[in-house]
Amino acid sequence: RHWPAQGHARFIDYNFVQGIEYAYRCPSWQFEMLDAYGLSGKCNIVYQLLQGDLDEASPTLREVAYKCFLCGSCDVAGKRNSDFEMQMMLESLRVRLVDKGYGPLPAHQSVTNVIEQSGNRFGYARDNRHAWVREEAPPSDKADLLYIVGDLHAYEEKSAARATAVIIKRAGLDYML
């Protein structure tokens, strides 16, 4: 029920901190400064849900669950100090909320709709996904290296995808998409 080193989920270990402005580990707790938004609060929320003492319909519960960035920082802290699966617990909380019909939130739903319709978060046509490819570093139909180009580099920051492909080719490797 309680992670014994929950403070480590909020703050970077003190021997690694370069200053107070860099001390925070958990973004949602840092912005809200309420225990519910930190890992200890989320652990208690999950515990109360499993005990049947909390209702998924609570707007505050949904706000807390979805304000978490799922950055994994608390998971890293948990694995450094113990063998806890914090990320899995937080992801499972969201899966439970969605299964019960309480997610995604309206702000997330618009992004979800764009991704479902276009296959990417920007809403660009799928046909343009490989428009970044240039003749100097073309992909192969079959290769041992799979280069997965994310939405940002495929549609917006094409020069990064091109530069990576050139580096792969200059290294004497073939890649496929």
Protein backbone atom coordinates (compact mmCIF):
# COMPACT_ATOMS: atom_id res chain seq x y z
CA ARG A 1 0.00 0.00 0.00
CA HIS A 2 2.72 2.48 0.87
CA TRP A 3 6.00 2.75 -0.91
CA PRO A 4 8.57 3.19 1.86
CA ALA A 5 10.65 5.77 -0.06
CA GLN A 6 7.92 7.93 -1.57
CA GLY A 7 9.99 11.06 -1.01
CA HIS A 8 12.37 9.69 -3.62
CA ALA A 9 9.50 9.83 -6.11
CA ARG A 10 9.16 13.59 -5.53
CA PHE A 11 12.78 14.65 -5.31
CA ILE A 12 16.00 13.70 -7.02
CA ASP A 13 18.37 11.98 -4.60
CA TYR A 14 20.02 14.77 -2.65
CA ASN A 15 23.57 13.73 -3.46
CA PHE A 16 22.82 14.34 -7.16
CA VAL A 17 20.99 17.69 -6.88
CA GLN A 18 22.83 20.72 -8.25
CA GLY A 19 20.35 23.23 -6.81
CA ILE A 20 16.81 23.53 -5.47
CA GLU A 21 15.42 24.39 -8.92
CA TYR A 22 16.59 20.95 -10.09
CA ALA A 23 15.47 19.00 -7.03
CA TYR A 24 11.99 17.95 -8.20
CA ARG A 25 11.48 14.59 -9.85
CA CYS A 26 7.68 14.49 -10.29
CA PRO A 27 6.29 17.20 -12.60
CA SER A 28 2.64 16.80 -11.59
CA TRP A 29 3.50 17.03 -7.89
CA GLN A 30 5.80 20.00 -8.55
CA PHE A 31 3.04 21.95 -10.32
CA GLU A 32 0.22 21.09 -7.89
CA MET A 33 2.16 20.69 -4.59
CA LEU A 34 -0.56 18.43 -3.20
CA ASP A 35 0.10 14.87 -2.05
CA ALA A 36 -2.68 13.48 -4.26
CA TYR A 37 -0.68 14.46 -7.35
CA GLY A 38 2.51 12.80 -6.10
CA LEU A 39 3.18 9.11 -6.11
CA SER A 40 2.11 8.61 -2.50
CA GLY A 41 -1.32 10.07 -3.26
CA LYS A 42 -1.68 8.00 -6.42
CA CYS A 43 -0.68 4.85 -4.51
CA ASN A 44 -3.40 5.62 -1.98
CA ILE A 45 -5.92 6.28 -4.76
CA VAL A 46 -5.18 2.91 -6.34
CA TYR A 47 -5.40 1.21 -2.95
CA GLN A 48 -8.75 2.85 -2.18
CA LEU A 49 -10.09 1.88 -5.62
CA LEU A 50 -9.06 -1.74 -5.10
CA GLN A 51 -10.70 -1.72 -1.65
CA GLY A 52 -13.90 -0.32 -3.15
CA ASP A 53 -13.72 2.83 -1.02
CA LEU A 54 -13.37 5.25 -3.93
CA ASP A 55 -15.51 5.84 -7.00
CA GLU A 56 -13.95 6.14 -10.46
CA ALA A 57 -16.62 8.74 -11.32
CA SER A 58 -14.90 11.31 -9.10
CA PRO A 59 -13.76 14.24 -11.29
CA THR A 60 -10.88 14.91 -8.91
CA LEU A 61 -9.65 11.32 -9.21
CA ARG A 62 -9.68 11.60 -13.01
CA GLU A 63 -7.86 14.93 -12.87
CA VAL A 64 -5.14 13.46 -10.66
CA ALA A 65 -4.76 10.37 -12.84
CA TYR A 66 -4.55 12.29 -16.09
CA LYS A 67 -2.32 15.13 -14.86
CA CYS A 68 0.42 12.57 -14.39
CA PHE A 69 2.72 12.78 -17.44
CA LEU A 70 3.68 9.12 -17.10
CA CYS A 71 7.27 10.30 -17.47
CA GLY A 72 8.53 7.28 -15.51
CA SER A 73 10.65 9.22 -13.07
CA CYS A 74 8.96 7.67 -10.04
CA ASP A 75 9.41 4.27 -11.68
CA VAL A 76 13.14 4.89 -12.02
CA ALA A 77 13.30 5.95 -8.37
CA GLY A 78 11.34 2.87 -7.36
CA LYS A 79 13.69 0.57 -9.24
CA ARG A 80 16.74 2.31 -7.82
CA ASN A 81 15.58 1.87 -4.21
CA SER A 82 13.29 -1.16 -4.44
CA ASP A 83 11.68 -3.39 -7.02
CA PHE A 84 8.36 -1.63 -7.50
CA GLU A 85 6.49 -1.21 -10.80
CA MET A 86 5.16 2.31 -10.37
CA GLN A 87 4.73 3.00 -14.08
CA MET A 88 2.68 -0.15 -14.55
CA MET A 89 0.45 0.82 -11.64
CA LEU A 90 -0.15 4.32 -13.05
CA GLU A 91 -0.81 3.00 -16.55
CA SER A 92 -3.19 0.40 -15.13
CA LEU A 93 -5.07 3.14 -13.29
CA ARG A 94 -5.68 4.90 -16.60
CA VAL A 95 -6.68 1.65 -18.31
CA ARG A 96 -9.20 1.05 -15.52
CA LEU A 97 -10.63 4.56 -15.90
CA VAL A 98 -10.97 4.14 -19.67
CA ASP A 99 -12.56 0.69 -19.25
CA LYS A 100 -15.10 2.19 -16.86
CA GLY A 101 -15.87 4.99 -19.34
CA TYR A 102 -14.00 7.79 -17.53
CA GLY A 103 -11.35 8.55 -20.07
CA PRO A 104 -9.73 9.85 -22.03
CA LEU A 105 -10.48 13.39 -20.95
CA PRO A 106 -12.04 15.78 -23.51
CA ALA A 107 -8.70 17.54 -24.02
CA HIS A 108 -7.10 14.19 -24.84
CA GLN A 109 -9.99 12.98 -26.97
CA SER A 110 -9.40 15.60 -29.67
CA VAL A 111 -5.79 14.40 -30.07
CA THR A 112 -6.95 10.78 -30.04
CA ASN A 113 -9.42 11.53 -32.84
CA VAL A 114 -6.72 13.16 -34.97
CA ILE A 115 -4.42 10.15 -34.49
CA GLU A 116 -7.21 7.69 -35.34
CA GLN A 117 -8.13 9.59 -38.51
CA SER A 118 -4.67 10.41 -39.86
CA GLY A 119 -2.30 7.99 -38.14
CA ASN A 120 -0.24 10.82 -36.64
CA ARG A 121 -0.67 13.52 -34.01
CA PHE A 122 -0.36 16.39 -36.49
CA GLY A 123 -3.21 15.33 -38.78
CA TYR A 124 -1.07 15.14 -41.92
CA ALA A 125 -1.90 12.71 -44.72
CA ARG A 126 -0.41 9.24 -44.30
CA ASP A 127 0.95 9.45 -47.85
CA ASN A 128 3.42 12.13 -46.69
CA ARG A 129 4.97 10.05 -43.89
CA HIS A 130 8.06 9.19 -45.93
CA ALA A 131 8.40 12.54 -47.70
CA TRP A 132 11.59 13.19 -45.72
CA VAL A 133 13.47 10.40 -47.56
CA ARG A 134 16.10 11.64 -50.06
CA GLU A 135 18.04 9.85 -52.78
CA GLU A 136 21.39 10.10 -50.96
CA ALA A 137 20.20 7.75 -48.19
CA PRO A 138 17.22 5.67 -49.34
CA PRO A 139 15.80 2.87 -47.20
CA SER A 140 16.10 -0.77 -48.24
CA ASP A 141 13.23 -3.17 -48.68
CA LYS A 142 14.94 -5.59 -46.30
CA ALA A 143 17.63 -4.81 -43.73
CA ASP A 144 18.77 -5.80 -40.26
CA LEU A 145 18.23 -2.27 -38.97
CA LEU A 146 14.72 -0.93 -38.54
CA TYR A 147 14.61 2.87 -38.40
CA ILE A 148 11.42 4.02 -36.72
CA VAL A 149 10.82 7.67 -37.49
CA GLY A 150 8.33 9.28 -35.11
CA ASP A 151 5.66 11.79 -36.10
CA LEU A 152 7.72 14.85 -35.22
CA HIS A 153 10.64 13.94 -37.47
CA ALA A 154 8.53 12.43 -40.24
CA TYR A 155 6.32 15.51 -40.64
CA GLU A 156 7.79 18.55 -38.89
CA GLU A 157 11.53 18.17 -38.30
CA LYS A 158 12.43 16.24 -41.45
CA SER A 159 16.07 17.32 -41.41
CA ALA A 160 16.70 15.21 -38.29
CA ALA A 161 15.29 12.10 -39.99
CA ARG A 162 17.36 12.81 -43.12
CA ALA A 163 20.56 13.37 -41.11
CA THR A 164 20.04 10.11 -39.21
CA ALA A 165 19.51 8.20 -42.47
CA VAL A 166 22.70 9.70 -43.92
CA ILE A 167 24.67 8.71 -40.80
CA ILE A 168 23.33 5.16 -41.03
CA LYS A 169 24.32 4.92 -44.71
CA ARG A 170 27.79 6.43 -44.11
CA ALA A 171 28.32 3.83 -41.40
CA GLY A 172 27.91 1.23 -44.15
CA LEU A 173 24.55 -0.02 -42.94
CA ASP A 174 21.24 -0.50 -44.66
CA TYR A 175 17.99 0.36 -42.95
CA MET A 176 14.33 -0.22 -43.57
CA LEU A 177 11.32 1.75 -42.47
